[in-house]
Protein backbone atom coordinates (compact mmCIF):
# COMPACT_ATOMS: atom_id res chain seq x y z
CA MET A 1 98.08 -91.88 -53.66
CA PRO A 2 95.50 -93.41 -51.26
CA THR A 3 96.64 -96.89 -52.34
CA LYS A 4 100.18 -95.98 -51.42
CA PHE A 5 99.10 -95.10 -47.91
CA GLU A 6 97.32 -98.45 -47.80
CA GLU A 7 100.53 -100.18 -48.83
CA ILE A 8 102.43 -98.48 -46.01
CA PHE A 9 100.03 -99.81 -43.43
CA ASN A 10 99.97 -103.29 -45.00
CA ILE A 11 103.65 -103.75 -44.12
CA PRO A 12 103.88 -104.54 -40.38
CA ASP A 13 107.39 -103.15 -39.82
CA LEU A 14 106.75 -99.98 -41.85
CA ARG A 15 103.37 -99.50 -40.15
CA ARG A 16 105.00 -99.77 -36.75
CA ARG A 17 107.69 -97.27 -37.71
CA VAL A 18 105.18 -94.74 -39.04
CA LEU A 19 102.82 -95.03 -36.06
CA PHE A 20 105.79 -94.79 -33.70
CA THR A 21 106.98 -91.58 -35.41
CA LEU A 22 103.52 -90.01 -35.29
CA GLY A 23 103.19 -90.96 -31.61
CA ILE A 24 106.51 -89.41 -30.68
CA LEU A 25 105.68 -86.23 -32.59
CA ALA A 26 102.33 -86.06 -30.78
CA LEU A 27 104.20 -86.32 -27.45
CA PHE A 28 106.42 -83.40 -28.54
CA ARG A 29 103.42 -81.28 -29.42
CA LEU A 30 101.89 -82.14 -26.06
CA GLY A 31 105.05 -80.97 -24.31
CA THR A 32 104.98 -77.62 -26.10
CA ALA A 33 101.64 -76.93 -24.35
CA ILE A 34 102.93 -77.62 -20.80
CA PRO A 35 104.10 -74.24 -19.35
CA LEU A 36 106.89 -73.62 -16.94
CA PRO A 37 105.84 -72.91 -13.32
CA GLY A 38 105.15 -69.30 -12.30
CA VAL A 39 104.78 -67.84 -15.81
CA ASN A 40 102.35 -65.10 -16.80
CA ALA A 41 101.22 -66.65 -20.09
CA LYS A 42 98.98 -63.74 -21.17
CA ALA A 43 101.72 -61.18 -20.74
CA LEU A 44 104.20 -63.30 -22.70
CA ALA A 45 101.69 -63.99 -25.47
CA ALA A 46 101.20 -60.22 -25.87
CA PHE A 47 104.96 -59.76 -26.08
CA PHE A 48 105.47 -62.35 -28.80
CA ALA A 49 102.52 -60.98 -30.76
CA GLN A 50 104.69 -57.86 -31.24
CA GLN A 51 107.84 -59.83 -32.12
CA LYS A 52 106.75 -61.76 -35.23
CA GLY A 53 109.37 -60.27 -37.48
CA THR A 54 112.24 -60.31 -34.96
CA ILE A 55 114.67 -62.99 -33.84
CA PHE A 56 112.32 -63.88 -30.99
CA GLY A 57 109.54 -64.73 -33.38
CA PHE A 58 112.07 -66.66 -35.48
CA LEU A 59 113.09 -68.81 -32.49
CA ASP A 60 109.49 -69.27 -31.52
CA MET A 61 108.85 -70.64 -35.01
CA PHE A 62 111.63 -73.22 -34.55
CA SER A 63 110.24 -74.36 -31.22
CA GLY A 64 106.69 -74.72 -32.64
CA GLY A 65 105.28 -72.01 -30.31
CA ALA A 66 106.92 -73.53 -27.21
CA MET A 67 108.93 -70.35 -26.51
CA ARG A 68 105.84 -68.19 -26.82
CA ARG A 69 104.09 -70.35 -24.22
CA VAL A 70 107.34 -70.68 -22.18
CA SER A 71 106.74 -74.40 -22.02
CA ILE A 72 109.10 -77.11 -20.81
CA PHE A 73 110.27 -77.41 -24.45
CA ALA A 74 111.01 -73.63 -24.69
CA LEU A 75 114.55 -74.24 -26.09
CA GLY A 76 113.55 -77.27 -28.17
CA VAL A 77 116.48 -79.00 -29.80
CA MET A 78 118.54 -75.87 -30.38
CA PRO A 79 121.06 -76.69 -27.57
CA TYR A 80 121.61 -80.14 -29.09
CA ILE A 81 122.13 -78.57 -32.53
CA ASN A 82 124.61 -76.09 -31.06
CA ALA A 83 126.46 -78.97 -29.37
CA SER A 84 126.53 -80.87 -32.65
CA ILE A 85 127.98 -77.84 -34.45
CA ILE A 86 130.72 -77.46 -31.81
CA MET A 87 131.56 -81.16 -32.00
CA SER A 88 131.74 -81.06 -35.79
CA LEU A 89 134.15 -78.12 -35.66
CA LEU A 90 136.24 -79.69 -32.95
CA GLN A 91 136.60 -82.99 -34.93
CA THR A 92 138.66 -81.09 -37.49
CA ALA A 93 140.83 -79.37 -34.86
CA VAL A 94 141.23 -81.80 -31.94
CA PRO A 95 143.23 -84.97 -32.76
CA TYR A 96 141.44 -87.11 -30.17
CA LEU A 97 138.03 -86.35 -31.57
CA GLU A 98 139.31 -86.76 -35.14
CA LYS A 99 140.61 -90.19 -34.12
CA LEU A 100 137.25 -91.10 -32.58
CA SER A 101 135.42 -90.11 -35.77
CA LYS A 102 137.48 -92.69 -37.70
CA GLU A 103 136.92 -95.59 -35.31
CA GLY A 104 133.54 -96.62 -36.71
CA GLU A 105 130.58 -97.37 -34.49
CA ILE A 106 132.51 -97.27 -31.20
CA GLY A 107 133.93 -93.87 -31.97
CA ARG A 108 130.55 -92.57 -33.08
CA ARG A 109 128.99 -93.65 -29.79
CA LYS A 110 131.69 -91.85 -27.78
CA ILE A 111 131.22 -88.66 -29.82
CA THR A 112 127.43 -88.91 -29.33
CA GLN A 113 127.97 -89.28 -25.53
CA ILE A 114 130.24 -86.20 -25.45
CA THR A 115 127.64 -84.30 -27.52
CA ARG A 116 124.96 -85.12 -24.99
CA TYR A 117 127.09 -83.87 -22.08
CA LEU A 118 127.78 -80.72 -24.04
CA THR A 119 124.03 -80.34 -24.72
CA VAL A 120 123.39 -80.35 -20.94
CA LEU A 121 125.97 -77.61 -20.43
CA ILE A 122 124.64 -75.43 -23.27
CA ALA A 123 121.00 -75.95 -22.16
CA GLY A 124 121.99 -74.90 -18.64
CA ILE A 125 123.70 -71.75 -19.87
CA GLN A 126 120.86 -70.83 -22.23
CA GLY A 127 118.30 -71.69 -19.58
CA PHE A 128 120.02 -69.37 -17.10
CA GLY A 129 120.10 -66.57 -19.68
CA PHE A 130 116.48 -67.27 -20.61
CA THR A 131 115.47 -66.99 -16.94
CA LEU A 132 117.28 -63.68 -16.55
CA TRP A 133 115.57 -62.37 -19.69
CA LEU A 134 112.13 -63.42 -18.40
CA LYS A 135 112.85 -61.89 -14.99
CA THR A 136 113.81 -58.48 -16.36
CA MET A 137 111.06 -58.43 -18.99
CA LYS A 138 108.12 -56.19 -18.13
CA MET A 139 105.04 -55.44 -20.15
CA PRO A 140 103.93 -51.85 -20.96
CA GLY A 141 101.61 -51.85 -17.95
CA GLY A 142 104.44 -52.87 -15.64
CA GLU A 143 103.22 -56.45 -15.38
CA GLN A 144 106.00 -59.03 -14.91
CA VAL A 145 106.26 -62.25 -16.88
CA LEU A 146 107.54 -64.36 -13.93
CA TYR A 147 105.55 -64.38 -10.67
CA GLY A 148 108.17 -66.10 -8.50
CA SER A 149 111.62 -64.94 -7.39
CA GLY A 150 114.61 -66.22 -5.50
CA PHE A 151 117.40 -68.68 -6.20
CA GLY A 152 115.29 -71.78 -5.67
CA PHE A 153 112.65 -70.64 -8.12
CA ARG A 154 115.24 -69.80 -10.79
CA LEU A 155 116.99 -73.12 -10.27
CA LEU A 156 113.66 -74.94 -10.70
CA ILE A 157 113.06 -73.22 -14.06
CA ILE A 158 116.61 -73.88 -15.30
CA LEU A 159 116.42 -77.56 -14.34
CA THR A 160 113.01 -77.86 -16.02
CA ILE A 161 114.41 -76.31 -19.23
CA ILE A 162 117.40 -78.67 -19.22
CA VAL A 163 115.16 -81.74 -18.71
CA GLY A 164 112.84 -80.51 -21.47
CA THR A 165 115.76 -80.11 -23.87
CA LEU A 166 117.08 -83.59 -23.05
CA LEU A 167 113.59 -85.00 -23.51
CA CYS A 168 113.34 -83.37 -26.96
CA MET A 169 116.80 -84.82 -27.85
CA TRP A 170 115.75 -88.24 -26.64
CA LEU A 171 112.49 -88.16 -28.63
CA GLY A 172 114.44 -87.20 -31.74
CA GLU A 173 116.88 -90.07 -31.25
CA GLN A 174 114.03 -92.51 -30.77
CA ILE A 175 112.50 -91.45 -34.06
CA THR A 176 115.87 -91.86 -35.83
CA GLU A 177 116.40 -95.39 -34.43
CA ASN A 178 112.88 -96.80 -34.40
CA GLY A 179 110.85 -94.58 -36.72
CA ILE A 180 111.01 -93.00 -40.13
CA GLY A 181 113.29 -90.04 -40.99
CA ASN A 182 115.75 -87.98 -39.02
CA GLY A 183 114.25 -87.39 -35.57
CA ILE A 184 115.81 -83.99 -34.77
CA SER A 185 114.87 -82.61 -38.22
CA LEU A 186 111.30 -83.98 -37.90
CA ILE A 187 110.84 -82.25 -34.55
CA ILE A 188 111.86 -78.94 -36.07
CA PHE A 189 109.64 -79.72 -39.10
CA THR A 190 106.68 -80.39 -36.81
CA GLY A 191 107.18 -77.08 -35.02
CA ILE A 192 107.19 -75.23 -38.36
CA VAL A 193 104.18 -77.01 -39.85
CA ALA A 194 102.19 -76.59 -36.63
CA ARG A 195 102.17 -72.84 -37.18
CA LEU A 196 100.84 -73.07 -40.75
CA PRO A 197 97.08 -73.20 -39.92
CA ALA A 198 97.31 -70.13 -37.66
CA SER A 199 99.34 -68.27 -40.29
CA ILE A 200 96.75 -69.06 -42.99
CA LYS A 201 93.99 -67.91 -40.63
CA ASN A 202 95.84 -64.61 -40.05
CA THR A 203 96.23 -64.12 -43.77
CA TRP A 204 92.50 -64.70 -44.26
CA THR A 205 91.86 -62.13 -41.53
CA LEU A 206 94.03 -59.61 -43.39
CA VAL A 207 91.99 -60.24 -46.56
CA ARG A 208 88.65 -59.82 -44.72
CA THR A 209 89.76 -56.58 -43.05
CA GLY A 210 91.04 -55.18 -46.30
CA GLU A 211 94.70 -54.91 -45.20
CA LEU A 212 95.59 -57.40 -47.95
CA SER A 213 93.68 -57.61 -51.21
CA LEU A 214 92.39 -60.92 -52.51
CA LEU A 215 94.47 -60.52 -55.67
CA GLY A 216 97.58 -59.90 -53.56
CA ALA A 217 96.85 -63.00 -51.46
CA LEU A 218 96.45 -65.13 -54.60
CA PHE A 219 99.69 -63.70 -56.01
CA PHE A 220 101.62 -64.60 -52.86
CA LEU A 221 100.01 -68.08 -52.88
CA ILE A 222 101.12 -68.74 -56.47
CA LEU A 223 104.58 -67.35 -55.68
CA ALA A 224 104.90 -69.61 -52.64
CA ILE A 225 103.91 -72.66 -54.69
CA GLY A 226 106.36 -71.74 -57.44
CA ILE A 227 109.24 -71.20 -55.01
CA THR A 228 108.38 -74.48 -53.26
CA ALA A 229 108.60 -76.33 -56.60
CA LEU A 230 111.94 -74.57 -57.26
CA VAL A 231 113.28 -75.67 -53.88
CA VAL A 232 112.27 -79.25 -54.58
CA LEU A 233 113.99 -79.11 -57.98
CA VAL A 234 117.29 -77.77 -56.57
CA GLU A 235 117.21 -80.08 -53.55
CA GLN A 236 117.05 -83.07 -55.89
CA ALA A 237 119.46 -81.70 -58.52
CA HIS A 238 122.84 -83.34 -58.93
CA ARG A 239 125.78 -83.44 -61.28
CA ARG A 240 126.53 -86.79 -62.91
CA ILE A 241 130.18 -87.66 -63.36
CA PRO A 242 130.61 -90.60 -65.77
CA VAL A 243 132.53 -93.57 -64.41
CA GLN A 244 133.85 -96.51 -66.46
CA TYR A 245 134.96 -99.86 -64.92
CA THR A 246 137.61 -101.99 -66.60
CA ARG A 247 136.96 -105.64 -67.31
CA ARG A 248 138.43 -108.22 -64.95
CA ILE A 249 138.46 -111.94 -65.56
CA VAL A 250 138.34 -114.08 -62.42
CA GLY A 251 138.22 -117.75 -63.34
CA ARG A 252 135.49 -118.11 -65.92
CA LYS A 253 133.63 -115.00 -64.79
CA VAL A 254 133.99 -111.47 -66.21
CA TYR A 255 133.59 -108.60 -63.82
CA GLY A 256 133.24 -104.90 -64.64
CA GLY A 257 133.16 -103.34 -68.04
CA GLN A 258 130.00 -101.36 -67.39
CA SER A 259 129.48 -97.64 -67.38
CA THR A 260 127.84 -95.77 -64.54
CA TYR A 261 128.03 -92.33 -62.97
CA LEU A 262 128.92 -90.66 -59.70
CA PRO A 263 126.07 -88.33 -58.52
CA LEU A 264 127.15 -85.08 -56.77
CA LYS A 265 124.21 -83.17 -55.20
CA VAL A 266 124.04 -79.43 -55.91
CA ASP A 267 122.92 -78.81 -52.31
CA GLN A 268 125.00 -81.42 -50.53
CA ALA A 269 124.36 -79.90 -47.07
CA GLY A 270 120.59 -79.85 -47.46
CA VAL A 271 118.86 -78.19 -44.50
CA ILE A 272 121.81 -78.73 -42.16
CA ALA A 273 123.50 -75.52 -43.32
CA VAL A 274 120.39 -73.46 -42.61
CA ILE A 275 119.83 -74.99 -39.18
CA PHE A 276 123.50 -74.45 -38.20
CA ALA A 277 123.39 -70.84 -39.43
CA VAL A 278 120.23 -70.14 -37.39
CA ALA A 279 121.89 -71.65 -34.31
CA PHE A 280 124.88 -69.31 -34.74
CA MET A 281 122.68 -66.25 -35.23
CA THR A 282 120.96 -66.88 -31.91
CA PHE A 283 124.30 -66.85 -30.04
CA PRO A 284 124.50 -63.02 -29.64
CA LEU A 285 120.94 -62.96 -28.39
CA THR A 286 121.81 -65.61 -25.76
CA VAL A 287 124.88 -63.67 -24.59
CA SER A 288 122.93 -60.38 -24.38
CA GLN A 289 120.49 -62.00 -21.94
CA PHE A 290 123.28 -62.18 -19.36
CA PHE A 291 123.89 -58.44 -19.67
CA PRO A 292 120.39 -56.88 -19.97
CA ASN A 293 121.62 -53.44 -18.91
CA SER A 294 124.78 -53.32 -21.03
CA PRO A 295 124.64 -50.73 -23.87
CA PHE A 296 127.23 -52.70 -25.86
CA PHE A 297 125.31 -55.95 -25.95
CA GLN A 298 122.08 -54.12 -26.49
CA LYS A 299 123.65 -52.45 -29.56
CA VAL A 300 124.92 -55.78 -30.85
CA SER A 301 121.42 -57.25 -30.47
CA ASP A 302 120.00 -54.28 -32.43
CA TRP A 303 122.57 -54.71 -35.19
CA LEU A 304 121.74 -58.38 -35.54
CA ASN A 305 118.02 -57.88 -35.39
CA ARG A 306 116.28 -60.11 -37.96
CA GLY A 307 115.72 -58.24 -41.19
CA SER A 308 118.54 -55.73 -40.82
CA VAL A 309 121.25 -55.42 -43.46
CA LEU A 310 123.98 -56.68 -41.12
CA TYR A 311 121.80 -59.65 -40.09
CA ASN A 312 121.24 -60.64 -43.71
CA ILE A 313 124.96 -60.33 -44.58
CA VAL A 314 126.10 -62.41 -41.60
CA TYR A 315 123.29 -64.95 -42.13
CA ALA A 316 124.19 -65.37 -45.80
CA ALA A 317 127.91 -65.76 -44.98
CA LEU A 318 127.13 -68.43 -42.39
CA ILE A 319 124.94 -70.36 -44.81
CA VAL A 320 127.70 -70.39 -47.46
CA PHE A 321 130.32 -71.41 -44.87
CA PHE A 322 128.27 -74.27 -43.49
CA CYS A 323 127.39 -75.50 -46.98
CA TYR A 324 131.08 -75.91 -47.72
CA PHE A 325 131.95 -77.11 -44.22
CA TYR A 326 129.30 -79.86 -44.11
CA THR A 327 130.22 -80.95 -47.64
CA ALA A 328 133.89 -81.15 -46.65
CA ILE A 329 133.26 -83.33 -43.60
CA THR A 330 130.75 -85.66 -45.26
CA PHE A 331 132.21 -86.05 -48.76
CA ASN A 332 135.90 -86.84 -49.23
CA PRO A 333 137.03 -86.79 -52.91
CA GLU A 334 140.28 -88.62 -52.00
CA ASP A 335 138.33 -91.57 -50.54
CA ILE A 336 136.11 -91.71 -53.62
CA SER A 337 139.19 -91.62 -55.86
CA GLU A 338 140.86 -94.44 -53.89
CA ASN A 339 137.72 -96.60 -54.00
CA LEU A 340 137.34 -96.08 -57.74
CA LYS A 341 141.02 -97.04 -58.28
CA LYS A 342 140.65 -100.09 -55.98
CA TRP A 343 137.71 -101.49 -57.93
CA GLY A 344 139.04 -100.69 -61.38
CA GLY A 345 136.90 -97.58 -61.99
CA TYR A 346 138.03 -94.37 -63.64
CA ILE A 347 136.63 -91.16 -65.04
CA PRO A 348 137.16 -91.04 -68.82
CA GLY A 349 139.89 -88.60 -69.69
CA ILE A 350 141.11 -88.25 -66.06
CA ARG A 351 144.08 -90.16 -64.63
CA PRO A 352 143.34 -92.30 -61.52
CA GLY A 353 144.56 -91.22 -58.10
CA LYS A 354 145.15 -87.57 -57.18
CA PRO A 355 144.03 -86.10 -60.58
CA THR A 356 140.64 -87.85 -60.13
CA ALA A 357 140.36 -86.44 -56.57
CA ASP A 358 141.24 -82.95 -57.82
CA TYR A 359 138.69 -83.21 -60.64
CA ILE A 360 135.90 -84.29 -58.28
CA ASN A 361 136.86 -81.57 -55.79
CA LYS A 362 136.77 -78.92 -58.52
CA ILE A 363 133.30 -79.89 -59.63
CA LEU A 364 132.08 -80.24 -56.05
CA THR A 365 133.33 -76.73 -55.22
CA ARG A 366 131.50 -75.21 -58.17
CA ILE A 367 128.14 -76.90 -57.64
CA THR A 368 128.31 -76.27 -53.85
CA LEU A 369 128.63 -72.56 -54.57
CA ILE A 370 125.52 -72.72 -56.78
CA GLY A 371 123.59 -74.56 -54.10
CA ALA A 372 124.77 -72.19 -51.35
CA VAL A 373 123.79 -69.10 -53.33
CA PHE A 374 120.36 -70.57 -54.01
CA VAL A 375 119.87 -71.37 -50.33
CA VAL A 376 120.86 -67.84 -49.39
CA PHE A 377 118.43 -66.42 -51.92
CA ILE A 378 115.52 -68.53 -50.62
CA ALA A 379 116.36 -67.79 -46.99
CA ILE A 380 116.60 -63.99 -47.36
CA MET A 381 114.19 -63.15 -50.22
CA PRO A 382 110.90 -63.82 -48.30
CA GLN A 383 112.06 -61.50 -45.51
CA PHE A 384 112.60 -58.80 -48.15
CA LEU A 385 109.11 -59.41 -49.53
CA ARG A 386 107.64 -59.26 -46.00
CA VAL A 387 109.27 -55.94 -45.20
CA HIS A 388 108.79 -54.15 -48.50
CA PHE A 389 105.65 -55.80 -49.92
CA LYS A 390 103.82 -56.86 -46.76
CA ALA A 391 103.93 -60.55 -47.63
CA PRO A 392 102.05 -62.80 -45.17
CA PHE A 393 103.90 -64.31 -42.25
CA TRP A 394 103.65 -67.89 -43.53
CA PHE A 395 105.83 -66.98 -46.47
CA GLY A 396 109.18 -67.82 -44.82
CA GLY A 397 112.28 -68.96 -46.72
CA THR A 398 114.16 -70.65 -43.91
CA ALA A 399 111.09 -72.53 -42.75
CA LEU A 400 110.38 -73.51 -46.39
CA LEU A 401 113.90 -74.90 -46.93
CA ILE A 402 113.75 -76.97 -43.72
CA ALA A 403 110.21 -78.21 -44.37
CA VAL A 404 110.88 -79.24 -47.95
CA GLY A 405 114.24 -80.87 -47.12
CA VAL A 406 112.81 -82.91 -44.26
CA ALA A 407 109.76 -83.90 -46.23
CA LEU A 408 111.86 -85.12 -49.18
CA ASP A 409 114.12 -87.10 -46.89
CA THR A 410 111.19 -88.74 -45.12
CA VAL A 411 109.39 -89.57 -48.36
CA GLY A 412 112.63 -90.98 -49.75
CA GLN A 413 112.94 -93.32 -46.77
CA LEU A 414 109.28 -94.43 -47.19
CA GLU A 415 109.98 -95.17 -50.86
CA ALA A 416 113.05 -97.19 -49.95
CA HIS A 417 110.99 -99.37 -47.57
CA LEU A 418 108.28 -99.89 -50.17
CA ILE A 419 110.65 -100.73 -53.02
CA MET A 420 112.65 -103.05 -50.76
CA ARG A 421 109.45 -105.08 -50.22
CA HIS A 422 108.60 -105.21 -53.98
CA TYR A 423 106.06 -102.39 -53.90
CA GLU A 424 105.98 -99.45 -56.23
CA GLY A 425 107.30 -96.15 -55.01
CA PHE A 426 105.38 -93.72 -52.83
CA MET A 427 104.61 -91.51 -55.83
CA LYS A 428 102.58 -93.27 -58.58
CA LYS A 429 103.86 -91.42 -61.62
CA ALA A 430 107.20 -90.14 -60.35
CA ARG A 431 110.04 -90.91 -57.97
CA VAL A 432 111.92 -88.78 -55.55
CA LYS A 433 115.11 -88.74 -57.55
CA GLY A 434 117.88 -86.38 -58.60
CA ARG A 435 117.85 -84.02 -61.53
CA TYR A 436 120.80 -83.91 -63.97
CA PHE A 437 122.55 -80.57 -64.19
CA ASN A 438 125.46 -80.49 -66.60
CA ILE A 439 127.69 -78.08 -64.68
CA ARG A 440 131.36 -78.16 -65.71
């Protein structure tokens, strides 16, 4: 493994990309430590210390502690993710956006520009609600979180939050274009991993004070390692559909005739479905901030409190929906069928054309259900262990899915760069590759 890191830094372009990515992530972490003006940091830290198992603690985990500190990156990239979800949904319903999505690079740029404008709008709305929430929040001793008041002070905070969100979005885009990995996912990944040392320290404190036995801590550690390995296995699992190409003679050359396979991932959506589901679950909380004294919205917030039965049901349903939705917009069986037919490929025993598309769609529907159920299980099960068996805070399913998914994607890109330059893969005795599941 050390030699692989040396090989990374021996390639000038790859070294530049890796160092650029690390530098941008360091800037993001620096921004999470810069607080908004007029904030009582001690009072807010005491509040979030009591909210570890709630939706507030969940959002603070996604922002890497920026919400707890009420920093300029308090909302992180969540407004951008919400805007991306809305644009993805609208592309299937609005003809103009659907047309743009099929126009190649030019259409993609226009959709990206609209998404940025929508991000500004969503960040402004969420920033306004966030300011109202901070203004009405009072600590048990009557101490307020915000020192300032007035329209100008609130406008300053809202504008700062909007600029911080846009800066996070820009940093993520810079990583995607000039670095390694998906920038937005890496920013979320950094926020999650940054909390790991503190969580381990808290677990050790529980062991020292006797609140958690050493045997129990070892059990949870082994369980976490086992579940992590299981997540890696399923994230890389795919179904292989055999494909046969007919022989074609062009002049004196013979083309085709070989056998290959079409890989269909079990979890085609990856971490996107989880991130989208989390973004939707935060929507009622955002709306309730505009009506702090409304019994109805207060009741809705209580119903959707993280860990409740209704929360888990809605969260699971959203994950399943987004697994199928993301698979539908990124993988078109009809296009695959047409491409196979165009190049003389066919699935043995299946007629070309629509029967091939139907066959691929049937298999994709089945394996997506398996992947969605697994993601739901991993996302909800740790919360059940935390509530009923006092599992440590670092044992989080949603964070684990995102961290493993982003890490695998980043390592896969590193391997691609190394192999492209005639180096061995990043892993010495293994490759980041799919697993064959014979699901029919």
